[in-house]
Protein backbone atom coordinates (compact mmCIF):
# COMPACT_ATOMS: atom_id res chain seq x y z
CA MET A 1 -58.08 61.61 -25.36
CA ARG A 2 -55.89 58.94 -26.97
CA TYR A 3 -52.96 59.99 -29.13
CA PRO A 4 -49.62 58.59 -30.31
CA ASP A 5 -47.28 57.84 -27.40
CA PHE A 6 -44.42 59.80 -28.94
CA PHE A 7 -46.25 63.09 -28.36
CA ASP A 8 -45.27 62.85 -24.69
CA ALA A 9 -41.59 62.36 -25.57
CA VAL A 10 -41.34 65.66 -27.46
CA PRO A 11 -39.49 68.30 -25.40
CA ALA A 12 -41.77 70.84 -23.75
CA ILE A 13 -40.95 74.50 -23.21
CA VAL A 14 -41.59 76.59 -20.11
CA LEU A 15 -42.29 80.27 -20.72
CA ARG A 16 -42.85 83.19 -18.38
CA ASP A 17 -45.88 85.25 -19.25
CA PRO A 18 -46.06 88.49 -17.22
CA LEU A 19 -49.75 88.88 -18.09
CA ALA A 20 -50.52 85.41 -16.71
CA GLU A 21 -48.68 86.36 -13.52
CA PHE A 22 -50.37 89.78 -13.26
CA LEU A 23 -53.85 88.29 -13.56
CA GLY A 24 -53.13 85.29 -11.35
CA ALA A 25 -53.45 82.66 -14.08
CA ALA A 26 -50.14 80.96 -13.25
CA GLU A 27 -47.79 81.28 -10.29
CA GLY A 28 -44.76 83.27 -11.35
CA GLY A 29 -46.35 83.51 -14.80
CA LEU A 30 -44.80 80.16 -15.68
CA LEU A 31 -46.61 78.26 -18.43
CA GLU A 32 -45.57 74.93 -19.90
CA TYR A 33 -46.37 74.20 -23.54
CA ARG A 34 -46.11 70.77 -25.12
CA TYR A 35 -46.43 69.44 -28.67
CA LEU A 36 -49.89 68.18 -27.74
CA ASP A 37 -50.96 71.81 -27.21
CA ALA A 38 -49.95 72.61 -30.79
CA VAL A 39 -51.89 69.55 -31.99
CA ARG A 40 -54.98 70.66 -30.08
CA LEU A 41 -54.65 74.14 -31.59
CA ALA A 42 -54.24 72.92 -35.16
CA GLY A 43 -56.62 69.98 -34.83
CA HIS A 44 -54.07 67.62 -36.34
CA SER A 45 -50.47 66.42 -36.19
CA CYS A 46 -48.40 66.83 -39.33
CA PRO A 47 -44.83 67.73 -40.36
CA THR A 48 -45.80 71.42 -40.63
CA VAL A 49 -47.20 71.59 -37.10
CA ALA A 50 -44.19 69.63 -35.86
CA SER A 51 -41.69 71.91 -37.59
CA ALA A 52 -43.46 75.09 -36.46
CA TYR A 53 -43.43 73.88 -32.86
CA THR A 54 -39.78 72.85 -33.00
CA LEU A 55 -38.58 75.97 -34.84
CA THR A 56 -40.35 78.32 -32.45
CA ARG A 57 -39.26 76.40 -29.34
CA ARG A 58 -35.62 76.26 -30.44
CA ALA A 59 -35.57 79.91 -31.54
CA LEU A 60 -37.00 81.05 -28.19
CA LEU A 61 -34.41 79.05 -26.27
CA ALA A 62 -31.67 80.53 -28.46
CA LEU A 63 -32.95 84.06 -27.82
CA TYR A 64 -32.99 83.51 -24.06
CA PRO A 65 -29.84 81.48 -23.27
CA GLY A 66 -29.87 80.42 -19.63
CA GLU A 67 -33.18 82.21 -19.07
CA THR A 68 -36.86 81.39 -19.20
CA PRO A 69 -38.19 82.87 -22.47
CA GLU A 70 -40.75 85.61 -22.01
CA ARG A 71 -44.10 85.17 -23.73
CA GLY A 72 -45.43 88.42 -25.18
CA ALA A 73 -41.98 89.97 -25.54
CA VAL A 74 -41.00 88.62 -28.96
CA ARG A 75 -41.82 89.86 -32.44
CA VAL A 76 -42.40 87.11 -35.03
CA SER A 77 -42.02 87.76 -38.76
CA PHE A 78 -42.66 85.41 -41.67
CA ARG A 79 -41.13 85.55 -45.12
CA ASP A 80 -44.33 84.66 -46.95
CA ALA A 81 -47.88 86.02 -46.96
CA ALA A 82 -50.24 84.68 -44.33
CA VAL A 83 -52.30 82.86 -46.98
CA SER A 84 -49.28 81.39 -48.77
CA GLY A 85 -48.75 77.64 -48.39
CA VAL A 86 -48.53 76.55 -44.77
CA THR A 87 -47.52 79.95 -43.38
CA GLY A 88 -50.83 80.45 -41.61
CA VAL A 89 -50.55 77.14 -39.79
CA MET A 90 -46.98 77.91 -38.74
CA ALA A 91 -48.00 81.36 -37.54
CA ALA A 92 -50.79 79.91 -35.40
CA VAL A 93 -48.33 77.64 -33.62
CA ALA A 94 -45.83 80.49 -33.23
CA THR A 95 -48.60 82.63 -31.72
CA LEU A 96 -49.45 79.86 -29.27
CA LEU A 97 -45.90 79.88 -27.92
CA THR A 98 -45.00 83.56 -28.20
CA GLY A 99 -48.33 85.32 -27.77
CA ALA A 100 -47.54 87.48 -30.81
CA THR A 101 -50.53 88.55 -32.92
CA LEU A 102 -51.13 90.93 -35.78
CA ASP A 103 -54.18 92.85 -34.54
CA THR A 104 -56.44 90.35 -32.78
CA GLY A 105 -54.49 89.81 -29.56
CA PHE A 106 -54.85 91.26 -26.10
CA LYS A 107 -54.77 95.06 -26.31
CA GLY A 108 -53.02 95.54 -22.98
CA LEU A 109 -53.61 97.24 -19.65
CA ALA A 110 -52.39 100.78 -19.07
CA GLY A 111 -49.88 100.39 -21.87
CA ARG A 112 -48.58 97.01 -20.69
CA PHE A 113 -49.06 93.47 -22.00
CA ASP A 114 -50.13 94.52 -25.52
CA ARG A 115 -49.83 91.49 -27.81
CA ARG A 116 -50.85 93.24 -31.02
CA GLN A 117 -48.57 94.23 -33.91
CA LEU A 118 -46.03 91.59 -32.91
CA LEU A 119 -46.73 89.37 -35.91
CA ALA A 120 -45.81 90.25 -39.51
CA PHE A 121 -46.06 88.52 -42.89
CA GLY A 122 -44.53 89.00 -46.33
CA GLN A 123 -41.22 90.29 -45.01
CA GLY A 124 -39.15 89.20 -48.01
CA MET A 125 -36.30 87.63 -46.06
CA ALA A 126 -34.37 84.47 -46.87
CA ALA A 127 -35.43 82.47 -43.79
CA GLU A 128 -38.95 81.21 -43.17
CA MET A 129 -39.36 83.11 -39.93
CA ARG A 130 -37.58 85.59 -37.69
CA LEU A 131 -37.95 86.04 -33.94
CA SER A 132 -36.80 89.29 -32.31
CA ARG A 133 -36.62 90.15 -28.62
CA LEU A 134 -38.27 93.46 -27.85
CA ASP A 135 -35.99 94.23 -24.90
CA THR A 136 -32.51 93.48 -26.26
CA GLY A 137 -33.16 93.53 -30.01
CA ALA A 138 -31.57 90.08 -30.40
CA VAL A 139 -32.74 88.39 -33.60
CA VAL A 140 -32.78 84.76 -34.69
CA GLU A 141 -33.86 83.57 -38.12
CA ALA A 142 -35.19 80.04 -38.47
CA SER A 143 -36.02 77.65 -41.31
CA ALA A 144 -36.90 73.97 -41.60
CA ASP A 145 -35.78 71.66 -44.40
CA LEU A 146 -38.21 68.75 -44.19
CA ARG A 147 -36.86 67.25 -47.40
CA ARG A 148 -34.24 65.70 -45.15
CA VAL A 149 -36.99 63.70 -43.44
CA PRO A 150 -38.73 62.03 -46.40
CA ALA A 151 -42.03 60.19 -46.19
CA ALA A 152 -42.25 56.44 -46.72
CA PRO A 153 -42.44 55.72 -50.48
CA GLU A 154 -45.84 54.05 -50.21
CA MET A 155 -47.50 56.86 -48.25
CA GLY A 156 -48.51 58.94 -51.27
CA ALA A 157 -50.47 56.13 -52.88
CA LEU A 158 -52.12 55.25 -49.60
CA MET A 159 -53.14 58.88 -49.06
CA GLN A 160 -54.78 59.01 -52.48
CA LYS A 161 -56.74 55.84 -51.78
CA CYS A 162 -57.86 57.23 -48.42
CA LEU A 163 -58.91 60.54 -49.97
CA ALA A 164 -60.86 58.73 -52.69
CA GLY A 165 -62.62 56.54 -50.13
CA GLU A 166 -61.11 53.43 -51.70
CA ALA A 167 -58.77 52.35 -48.89
CA SER A 168 -59.49 49.26 -46.83
CA PRO A 169 -59.48 49.60 -43.02
CA MET A 170 -56.02 48.04 -43.00
CA GLU A 171 -54.75 50.49 -45.62
CA SER A 172 -56.24 53.44 -43.74
CA ALA A 173 -54.57 52.33 -40.54
CA GLU A 174 -51.25 51.91 -42.34
CA PHE A 175 -51.50 55.39 -43.85
CA ARG A 176 -52.11 56.91 -40.41
CA ARG A 177 -49.20 54.96 -38.95
CA LEU A 178 -46.80 56.06 -41.68
CA TRP A 179 -47.98 59.67 -41.46
CA GLN A 180 -47.36 59.89 -37.74
CA GLU A 181 -44.09 57.99 -38.06
CA ARG A 182 -42.77 60.80 -40.22
CA VAL A 183 -43.98 63.36 -37.68
CA ARG A 184 -42.22 61.36 -34.94
CA ALA A 185 -39.01 61.38 -36.99
CA VAL A 186 -39.22 65.14 -37.47
CA LEU A 187 -39.75 65.79 -33.77
CA LEU A 188 -37.56 63.18 -32.12
CA ASP A 189 -34.98 61.88 -34.58
CA HIS A 190 -34.29 65.33 -36.03
CA GLY A 191 -35.54 67.78 -33.39
CA GLU A 192 -31.96 68.85 -32.61
CA ASP A 193 -30.65 68.30 -36.14
CA ASP A 194 -29.16 71.57 -37.34
CA GLU A 195 -29.40 70.40 -40.95
CA VAL A 196 -33.19 70.14 -40.63
CA PHE A 197 -33.86 73.02 -38.23
CA ARG A 198 -31.57 75.90 -39.11
CA LEU A 199 -31.10 78.86 -36.78
CA ARG A 200 -29.02 81.91 -37.63
CA TRP A 201 -28.23 84.96 -35.55
CA VAL A 202 -28.81 88.22 -37.43
């Protein structure tokens, strides 16, 4: 699989999943997730996938300062309905990292490891998403302001030509380059930018 080099420069996150440990899937239950995993899940790399990955990663690290975040032990809530805008895509990436599902996840073993009812939509809050630890009750709200990472001015016109099948091979290649350059900027230039990725303790 060939992909943009910058994918490998995006910070990964190591999580501890007690279910993975219990069933022998990973020693100590330690699982490493990278941006490429989110791309594989979504089938593409875009600012939404990038922001969902970064928001969830940063919120988990904030919830577990000095600790390895625990997968399956966090409730994830979204402001908007699942079918509204890009909420569904963001939720899929959040589920990848947290294990939280609405009703389709692992149902548990003897009352342990249940991943259902940990995902909620349409919560009517100000932030895009909220992550809550089940053990301590600590809550972090998170939002991304991608307007602070604008696309190249010529990208819109190039996208329209590509969608209409009117772009030359050179124009198509330039569109793809500009698209992924914005994703790179979101992830690397602004990944730790608190004006783009806003976290707030509740």
